[in-house]
Amino acid sequence: MKKTNSLKGSRVLSFSRKAKGVSIVELLVSVAIMGIAIAGISELLWANTAWLTSLHNKFDSFYAAKSFCNRVERDLNQSLCVVKDSTSDNLNLQVAPESSFDKNGFLTSVKTKVYWVEPDTEVGYENSYIVKTADSKLAPSTVVLRGLIGPKSLTDSKPRLFQYIDKDGNATDLATESTTMVHMNLEIRRNEFGKSAAQNDKSGIVFRYEVLLRNANLHRL
């Protein structure tokens, strides 16, 4: 009889423990573990977002650089020549308008097409440059590239965007009558507001493009 009573007592004690549920210590430990796990997941998500943003900026910069170079290449191929004394930050082309030919097909007049580099004054882009194009620097212009940061010139802070190759393969920052090829060298960065220059540099790209002049043998008119 005594043995039976003891068994009943242990069962009652077991049931009473189950009825009490989780202790405060166990609850605190669970919350701490969940907090650590959430913090780790949040850090992973933040790092992944930053990586995706940087990758997006690289693709955006690459597309901008490619579009700009394609535009310059089209103008170079349609031009009569690169004007002598064009510089590393100023490309000057002689272009023949459709209405500049007489009834015999002879060229009667030409116009110019200019690409030039100047500092960007837009908020957030103060440390970079833009490229503009127009029929002349005094005419209404269009911004065709933004975020240009290099490669920097040795003599001043402007980027050395254009480089000219003559028929002997010599590269200079000044176009001559024997220029047969134009190189475009671009370092582009897409600025993210609230980030330092060092952080923004991680989303920059370096791009090089070469254009062989179709009309190089025409030289100047």
C-alpha atoms as a PDB file:
ATOM      1  CA  MET A   1       0.000   0.000   0.000  1.00  0.00           C
ATOM      2  CA  LYS A   2       2.777   2.453   0.837  1.00  0.00           C
ATOM      3  CA  LYS A   3       4.493   1.730  -2.468  1.00  0.00           C
ATOM      4  CA  THR A   4       1.349   2.523  -4.390  1.00  0.00           C
ATOM      5  CA  ASN A   5       0.915   5.851  -2.598  1.00  0.00           C
ATOM      6  CA  SER A   6       4.484   6.819  -3.460  1.00  0.00           C
ATOM      7  CA  LEU A   7       3.847   6.161  -7.147  1.00  0.00           C
ATOM      8  CA  LYS A   8       0.760   8.300  -7.121  1.00  0.00           C
ATOM      9  CA  GLY A   9       2.675  11.127  -5.490  1.00  0.00           C
ATOM     10  CA  SER A  10       5.365  11.134  -8.190  1.00  0.00           C
ATOM     11  CA  ARG A  11       2.735  11.238 -10.923  1.00  0.00           C
ATOM     12  CA  VAL A  12       1.045  14.226  -9.296  1.00  0.00           C
ATOM     13  CA  LEU A  13       4.434  15.993  -9.031  1.00  0.00           C
ATOM     14  CA  SER A  14       5.166  15.283 -12.737  1.00  0.00           C
ATOM     15  CA  PHE A  15       1.807  16.637 -13.840  1.00  0.00           C
ATOM     16  CA  SER A  16       2.241  19.794 -11.769  1.00  0.00           C
ATOM     17  CA  ARG A  17       5.620  20.529 -13.433  1.00  0.00           C
ATOM     18  CA  LYS A  18       4.115  20.200 -16.908  1.00  0.00           C
ATOM     19  CA  ALA A  19       1.312  22.553 -15.978  1.00  0.00           C
ATOM     20  CA  LYS A  20       3.783  25.301 -14.992  1.00  0.00           C
ATOM     21  CA  GLY A  21       5.246  25.578 -18.598  1.00  0.00           C
ATOM     22  CA  VAL A  22       8.590  27.310 -19.513  1.00  0.00           C
ATOM     23  CA  SER A  23      10.599  28.999 -16.797  1.00  0.00           C
ATOM     24  CA  ILE A  24      11.809  32.624 -17.024  1.00  0.00           C
ATOM     25  CA  VAL A  25      15.403  31.498 -17.445  1.00  0.00           C
ATOM     26  CA  GLU A  26      14.472  29.266 -20.375  1.00  0.00           C
ATOM     27  CA  LEU A  27      12.465  32.112 -21.929  1.00  0.00           C
ATOM     28  CA  LEU A  28      15.362  34.556 -21.605  1.00  0.00           C
ATOM     29  CA  VAL A  29      17.775  32.076 -23.166  1.00  0.00           C
ATOM     30  CA  SER A  30      15.376  31.536 -26.092  1.00  0.00           C
ATOM     31  CA  VAL A  31      14.975  35.295 -26.646  1.00  0.00           C
ATOM     32  CA  ALA A  32      18.764  35.774 -26.567  1.00  0.00           C
ATOM     33  CA  ILE A  33      19.301  33.015 -29.125  1.00  0.00           C
ATOM     34  CA  MET A  34      16.594  34.466 -31.393  1.00  0.00           C
ATOM     35  CA  GLY A  35      18.142  37.943 -31.096  1.00  0.00           C
ATOM     36  CA  ILE A  36      21.566  36.653 -32.126  1.00  0.00           C
ATOM     37  CA  ALA A  37      20.045  34.792 -35.065  1.00  0.00           C
ATOM     38  CA  ILE A  38      18.033  37.838 -36.231  1.00  0.00           C
ATOM     39  CA  ALA A  39      21.100  40.091 -35.926  1.00  0.00           C
ATOM     40  CA  GLY A  40      23.131  37.688 -38.063  1.00  0.00           C
ATOM     41  CA  ILE A  41      20.413  37.464 -40.707  1.00  0.00           C
ATOM     42  CA  SER A  42      20.011  41.275 -40.761  1.00  0.00           C
ATOM     43  CA  GLU A  43      23.763  41.761 -41.244  1.00  0.00           C
ATOM     44  CA  LEU A  44      23.730  39.227 -44.069  1.00  0.00           C
ATOM     45  CA  LEU A  45      20.804  40.994 -45.745  1.00  0.00           C
ATOM     46  CA  TRP A  46      22.514  44.394 -45.403  1.00  0.00           C
ATOM     47  CA  ALA A  47      25.755  43.059 -46.913  1.00  0.00           C
ATOM     48  CA  ASN A  48      23.800  41.468 -49.758  1.00  0.00           C
ATOM     49  CA  THR A  49      21.921  44.731 -50.423  1.00  0.00           C
ATOM     50  CA  ALA A  50      25.185  46.723 -50.488  1.00  0.00           C
ATOM     51  CA  TRP A  51      26.691  44.199 -52.922  1.00  0.00           C
ATOM     52  CA  LEU A  52      23.641  44.359 -55.192  1.00  0.00           C
ATOM     53  CA  THR A  53      23.731  48.175 -55.148  1.00  0.00           C
ATOM     54  CA  SER A  54      27.416  48.183 -56.068  1.00  0.00           C
ATOM     55  CA  LEU A  55      26.790  45.663 -58.863  1.00  0.00           C
ATOM     56  CA  HIS A  56      23.879  47.740 -60.176  1.00  0.00           C
ATOM     57  CA  ASN A  57      26.083  50.849 -60.211  1.00  0.00           C
ATOM     58  CA  LYS A  58      28.793  48.983 -62.132  1.00  0.00           C
ATOM     59  CA  PHE A  59      26.296  47.874 -64.774  1.00  0.00           C
ATOM     60  CA  ASP A  60      24.869  51.394 -64.937  1.00  0.00           C
ATOM     61  CA  SER A  61      28.359  52.876 -65.359  1.00  0.00           C
ATOM     62  CA  PHE A  62      29.251  50.305 -68.017  1.00  0.00           C
ATOM     63  CA  TYR A  63      26.078  51.046 -69.982  1.00  0.00           C
ATOM     64  CA  ALA A  64      26.700  54.815 -69.761  1.00  0.00           C
ATOM     65  CA  ALA A  65      30.313  54.401 -70.919  1.00  0.00           C
ATOM     66  CA  LYS A  66      29.344  52.105 -73.806  1.00  0.00           C
ATOM     67  CA  SER A  67      26.510  54.404 -74.944  1.00  0.00           C
ATOM     68  CA  PHE A  68      28.816  57.431 -74.859  1.00  0.00           C
ATOM     69  CA  CYS A  69      31.586  55.676 -76.819  1.00  0.00           C
ATOM     70  CA  ASN A  70      29.097  54.424 -79.405  1.00  0.00           C
ATOM     71  CA  ARG A  71      27.850  57.979 -79.887  1.00  0.00           C
ATOM     72  CA  VAL A  72      31.361  59.374 -80.346  1.00  0.00           C
ATOM     73  CA  GLU A  73      32.235  56.496 -82.690  1.00  0.00           C
ATOM     74  CA  ARG A  74      29.210  57.260 -84.859  1.00  0.00           C
ATOM     75  CA  ASP A  75      30.202  60.932 -85.087  1.00  0.00           C
ATOM     76  CA  LEU A  76      33.823  60.004 -85.827  1.00  0.00           C
ATOM     77  CA  ASN A  77      32.772  57.673 -88.639  1.00  0.00           C
ATOM     78  CA  GLN A  78      30.529  60.346 -90.155  1.00  0.00           C
ATOM     79  CA  SER A  79      33.096  63.128 -89.792  1.00  0.00           C
ATOM     80  CA  LEU A  80      35.573  64.303 -92.393  1.00  0.00           C
ATOM     81  CA  CYS A  81      38.436  64.417 -89.906  1.00  0.00           C
ATOM     82  CA  VAL A  82      39.531  65.161 -86.372  1.00  0.00           C
ATOM     83  CA  VAL A  83      40.432  68.844 -86.225  1.00  0.00           C
ATOM     84  CA  LYS A  84      44.111  69.471 -85.632  1.00  0.00           C
ATOM     85  CA  ASP A  85      45.018  70.444 -82.030  1.00  0.00           C
ATOM     86  CA  SER A  86      42.080  68.609 -80.469  1.00  0.00           C
ATOM     87  CA  THR A  87      43.144  67.820 -76.897  1.00  0.00           C
ATOM     88  CA  SER A  88      42.686  65.127 -74.261  1.00  0.00           C
ATOM     89  CA  ASP A  89      39.583  66.900 -72.917  1.00  0.00           C
ATOM     90  CA  ASN A  90      38.332  68.507 -76.130  1.00  0.00           C
ATOM     91  CA  LEU A  91      37.484  66.537 -79.302  1.00  0.00           C
ATOM     92  CA  ASN A  92      36.721  68.739 -82.303  1.00  0.00           C
ATOM     93  CA  LEU A  93      35.366  67.165 -85.508  1.00  0.00           C
ATOM     94  CA  GLN A  94      34.690  68.480 -89.009  1.00  0.00           C
ATOM     95  CA  VAL A  95      31.313  67.237 -90.176  1.00  0.00           C
ATOM     96  CA  ALA A  96      29.642  67.626 -93.558  1.00  0.00           C
ATOM     97  CA  PRO A  97      25.911  68.421 -93.272  1.00  0.00           C
ATOM     98  CA  GLU A  98      23.585  66.788 -95.811  1.00  0.00           C
ATOM     99  CA  SER A  99      22.862  70.188 -97.383  1.00  0.00           C
ATOM    100  CA  SER A 100      26.562  71.012 -97.887  1.00  0.00           C
ATOM    101  CA  PHE A 101      26.935  69.214-101.242  1.00  0.00           C
ATOM    102  CA  ASP A 102      26.244  70.803-104.617  1.00  0.00           C
ATOM    103  CA  LYS A 103      24.439  69.134-107.525  1.00  0.00           C
ATOM    104  CA  ASN A 104      27.698  67.518-108.665  1.00  0.00           C
ATOM    105  CA  GLY A 105      28.333  65.984-105.242  1.00  0.00           C
ATOM    106  CA  PHE A 106      31.152  68.320-104.252  1.00  0.00           C
ATOM    107  CA  LEU A 107      31.467  69.508-100.689  1.00  0.00           C
ATOM    108  CA  THR A 108      30.692  73.205-100.313  1.00  0.00           C
ATOM    109  CA  SER A 109      30.752  73.744 -96.552  1.00  0.00           C
ATOM    110  CA  VAL A 110      31.467  72.010 -93.250  1.00  0.00           C
ATOM    111  CA  LYS A 111      30.434  72.417 -89.626  1.00  0.00           C
ATOM    112  CA  THR A 112      32.048  71.381 -86.374  1.00  0.00           C
ATOM    113  CA  LYS A 113      30.995  68.936 -83.684  1.00  0.00           C
ATOM    114  CA  VAL A 114      32.652  69.342 -80.292  1.00  0.00           C
ATOM    115  CA  TYR A 115      32.918  67.095 -77.231  1.00  0.00           C
ATOM    116  CA  TRP A 116      34.467  68.652 -74.127  1.00  0.00           C
ATOM    117  CA  VAL A 117      34.991  67.925 -70.426  1.00  0.00           C
ATOM    118  CA  GLU A 118      34.064  70.274 -67.600  1.00  0.00           C
ATOM    119  CA  PRO A 119      33.484  69.991 -63.811  1.00  0.00           C
ATOM    120  CA  ASP A 120      30.075  68.762 -62.683  1.00  0.00           C
ATOM    121  CA  THR A 121      28.170  71.246 -60.498  1.00  0.00           C
ATOM    122  CA  GLU A 122      25.250  68.977 -59.607  1.00  0.00           C
ATOM    123  CA  VAL A 123      24.835  68.209 -55.903  1.00  0.00           C
ATOM    124  CA  GLY A 124      26.573  64.931 -55.060  1.00  0.00           C
ATOM    125  CA  TYR A 125      28.802  65.017 -58.156  1.00  0.00           C
ATOM    126  CA  GLU A 126      31.096  67.925 -57.259  1.00  0.00           C
ATOM    127  CA  ASN A 127      34.229  65.741 -57.415  1.00  0.00           C
ATOM    128  CA  SER A 128      33.523  64.402 -60.902  1.00  0.00           C
ATOM    129  CA  TYR A 129      33.190  65.694 -64.459  1.00  0.00           C
ATOM    130  CA  ILE A 130      30.632  65.729 -67.242  1.00  0.00           C
ATOM    131  CA  VAL A 131      31.065  65.522 -71.004  1.00  0.00           C
ATOM    132  CA  LYS A 132      29.055  67.895 -73.185  1.00  0.00           C
ATOM    133  CA  THR A 133      28.539  68.037 -76.933  1.00  0.00           C
ATOM    134  CA  ALA A 134      27.361  70.754 -79.304  1.00  0.00           C
ATOM    135  CA  ASP A 135      28.161  72.341 -82.668  1.00  0.00           C
ATOM    136  CA  SER A 136      30.398  74.731 -80.717  1.00  0.00           C
ATOM    137  CA  LYS A 137      31.077  75.554 -77.070  1.00  0.00           C
ATOM    138  CA  LEU A 138      28.939  78.686 -77.452  1.00  0.00           C
ATOM    139  CA  ALA A 139      25.941  76.764 -78.805  1.00  0.00           C
ATOM    140  CA  PRO A 140      23.299  75.060 -76.614  1.00  0.00           C
ATOM    141  CA  SER A 141      24.902  71.839 -75.373  1.00  0.00           C
ATOM    142  CA  THR A 142      23.807  68.378 -74.267  1.00  0.00           C
ATOM    143  CA  VAL A 143      25.299  66.400 -71.374  1.00  0.00           C
ATOM    144  CA  VAL A 144      26.209  62.979 -72.779  1.00  0.00           C
ATOM    145  CA  LEU A 145      28.194  61.525 -69.851  1.00  0.00           C
ATOM    146  CA  ARG A 146      28.207  62.056 -66.085  1.00  0.00           C
ATOM    147  CA  GLY A 147      30.374  60.672 -63.286  1.00  0.00           C
ATOM    148  CA  LEU A 148      33.731  60.898 -65.104  1.00  0.00           C
ATOM    149  CA  ILE A 149      36.619  60.861 -62.590  1.00  0.00           C
ATOM    150  CA  GLY A 150      39.663  59.878 -64.663  1.00  0.00           C
ATOM    151  CA  PRO A 151      42.204  58.978 -65.764  1.00  0.00           C
ATOM    152  CA  LYS A 152      43.602  62.288 -64.483  1.00  0.00           C
ATOM    153  CA  SER A 153      45.962  64.450 -66.486  1.00  0.00           C
ATOM    154  CA  LEU A 154      49.515  65.014 -65.232  1.00  0.00           C
ATOM    155  CA  THR A 155      49.293  68.779 -65.819  1.00  0.00           C
ATOM    156  CA  ASP A 156      45.840  69.531 -64.371  1.00  0.00           C
ATOM    157  CA  SER A 157      42.953  67.763 -62.648  1.00  0.00           C
ATOM    158  CA  LYS A 158      40.865  67.209 -65.785  1.00  0.00           C
ATOM    159  CA  PRO A 159      40.463  63.623 -67.033  1.00  0.00           C
ATOM    160  CA  ARG A 160      42.433  62.579 -70.115  1.00  0.00           C
ATOM    161  CA  LEU A 161      39.390  61.333 -71.976  1.00  0.00           C
ATOM    162  CA  PHE A 162      40.725  61.368 -75.553  1.00  0.00           C
ATOM    163  CA  GLN A 163      44.037  60.067 -76.873  1.00  0.00           C
ATOM    164  CA  TYR A 164      45.170  60.283 -80.493  1.00  0.00           C
ATOM    165  CA  ILE A 165      47.161  57.680 -82.437  1.00  0.00           C
ATOM    166  CA  ASP A 166      49.049  58.690 -85.576  1.00  0.00           C
ATOM    167  CA  LYS A 167      49.907  56.540 -88.605  1.00  0.00           C
ATOM    168  CA  ASP A 168      53.168  55.444 -86.947  1.00  0.00           C
ATOM    169  CA  GLY A 169      51.365  54.199 -83.829  1.00  0.00           C
ATOM    170  CA  ASN A 170      52.456  57.059 -81.557  1.00  0.00           C
ATOM    171  CA  ALA A 171      49.955  58.091 -78.857  1.00  0.00           C
ATOM    172  CA  THR A 172      49.601  61.766 -77.913  1.00  0.00           C
ATOM    173  CA  ASP A 173      47.167  64.068 -76.129  1.00  0.00           C
ATOM    174  CA  LEU A 174      47.086  66.359 -79.155  1.00  0.00           C
ATOM    175  CA  ALA A 175      45.547  65.528 -82.545  1.00  0.00           C
ATOM    176  CA  THR A 176      47.605  66.057 -85.689  1.00  0.00           C
ATOM    177  CA  GLU A 177      46.983  65.800 -89.420  1.00  0.00           C
ATOM    178  CA  SER A 178      48.283  62.231 -89.325  1.00  0.00           C
ATOM    179  CA  THR A 179      45.833  61.062 -86.610  1.00  0.00           C
ATOM    180  CA  THR A 180      44.319  57.731 -87.675  1.00  0.00           C
ATOM    181  CA  MET A 181      42.767  56.468 -84.467  1.00  0.00           C
ATOM    182  CA  VAL A 182      41.090  57.896 -81.349  1.00  0.00           C
ATOM    183  CA  HIS A 183      41.229  56.180 -77.964  1.00  0.00           C
ATOM    184  CA  MET A 184      38.719  56.942 -75.225  1.00  0.00           C
ATOM    185  CA  ASN A 185      39.767  56.179 -71.660  1.00  0.00           C
ATOM    186  CA  LEU A 186      37.085  56.442 -68.997  1.00  0.00           C
ATOM    187  CA  GLU A 187      36.922  55.979 -65.247  1.00  0.00           C
ATOM    188  CA  ILE A 188      33.316  56.394 -64.169  1.00  0.00           C
ATOM    189  CA  ARG A 189      31.766  56.380 -60.731  1.00  0.00           C
ATOM    190  CA  ARG A 190      28.092  56.572 -59.789  1.00  0.00           C
ATOM    191  CA  ASN A 191      27.876  58.550 -56.531  1.00  0.00           C
ATOM    192  CA  GLU A 192      25.560  57.335 -53.780  1.00  0.00           C
ATOM    193  CA  PHE A 193      24.403  60.093 -51.474  1.00  0.00           C
ATOM    194  CA  GLY A 194      25.639  59.802 -47.896  1.00  0.00           C
ATOM    195  CA  LYS A 195      28.695  57.741 -48.842  1.00  0.00           C
ATOM    196  CA  SER A 196      32.313  58.785 -48.880  1.00  0.00           C
ATOM    197  CA  ALA A 197      34.449  58.914 -52.032  1.00  0.00           C
ATOM    198  CA  ALA A 198      36.261  55.746 -50.932  1.00  0.00           C
ATOM    199  CA  GLN A 199      32.950  53.880 -50.581  1.00  0.00           C
ATOM    200  CA  ASN A 200      31.709  55.178 -53.927  1.00  0.00           C
ATOM    201  CA  ASP A 201      34.956  54.130 -55.619  1.00  0.00           C
ATOM    202  CA  LYS A 202      33.947  50.498 -55.096  1.00  0.00           C
ATOM    203  CA  SER A 203      31.179  50.902 -57.659  1.00  0.00           C
ATOM    204  CA  GLY A 204      33.394  52.550 -60.293  1.00  0.00           C
ATOM    205  CA  ILE A 205      34.610  51.041 -63.570  1.00  0.00           C
ATOM    206  CA  VAL A 206      37.472  51.577 -66.006  1.00  0.00           C
ATOM    207  CA  PHE A 207      36.563  51.519 -69.706  1.00  0.00           C
ATOM    208  CA  ARG A 208      38.725  51.806 -72.835  1.00  0.00           C
ATOM    209  CA  TYR A 209      37.430  52.176 -76.382  1.00  0.00           C
ATOM    210  CA  GLU A 210      39.261  52.500 -79.699  1.00  0.00           C
ATOM    211  CA  VAL A 211      37.913  53.982 -82.932  1.00  0.00           C
ATOM    212  CA  LEU A 212      39.729  53.703 -86.253  1.00  0.00           C
ATOM    213  CA  LEU A 213      38.990  56.753 -88.395  1.00  0.00           C
ATOM    214  CA  ARG A 214      37.358  55.807 -91.689  1.00  0.00           C
ATOM    215  CA  ASN A 215      38.157  59.158 -93.298  1.00  0.00           C
ATOM    216  CA  ALA A 216      41.668  59.555 -91.861  1.00  0.00           C
ATOM    217  CA  ASN A 217      43.184  59.724 -95.347  1.00  0.00           C
ATOM    218  CA  LEU A 218      41.182  62.888 -96.097  1.00  0.00           C
ATOM    219  CA  HIS A 219      43.024  64.824 -93.353  1.00  0.00           C
ATOM    220  CA  ARG A 220      41.904  68.446 -93.330  1.00  0.00           C
ATOM    221  CA  LEU A 221      39.960  70.262 -96.056  1.00  0.00           C
END
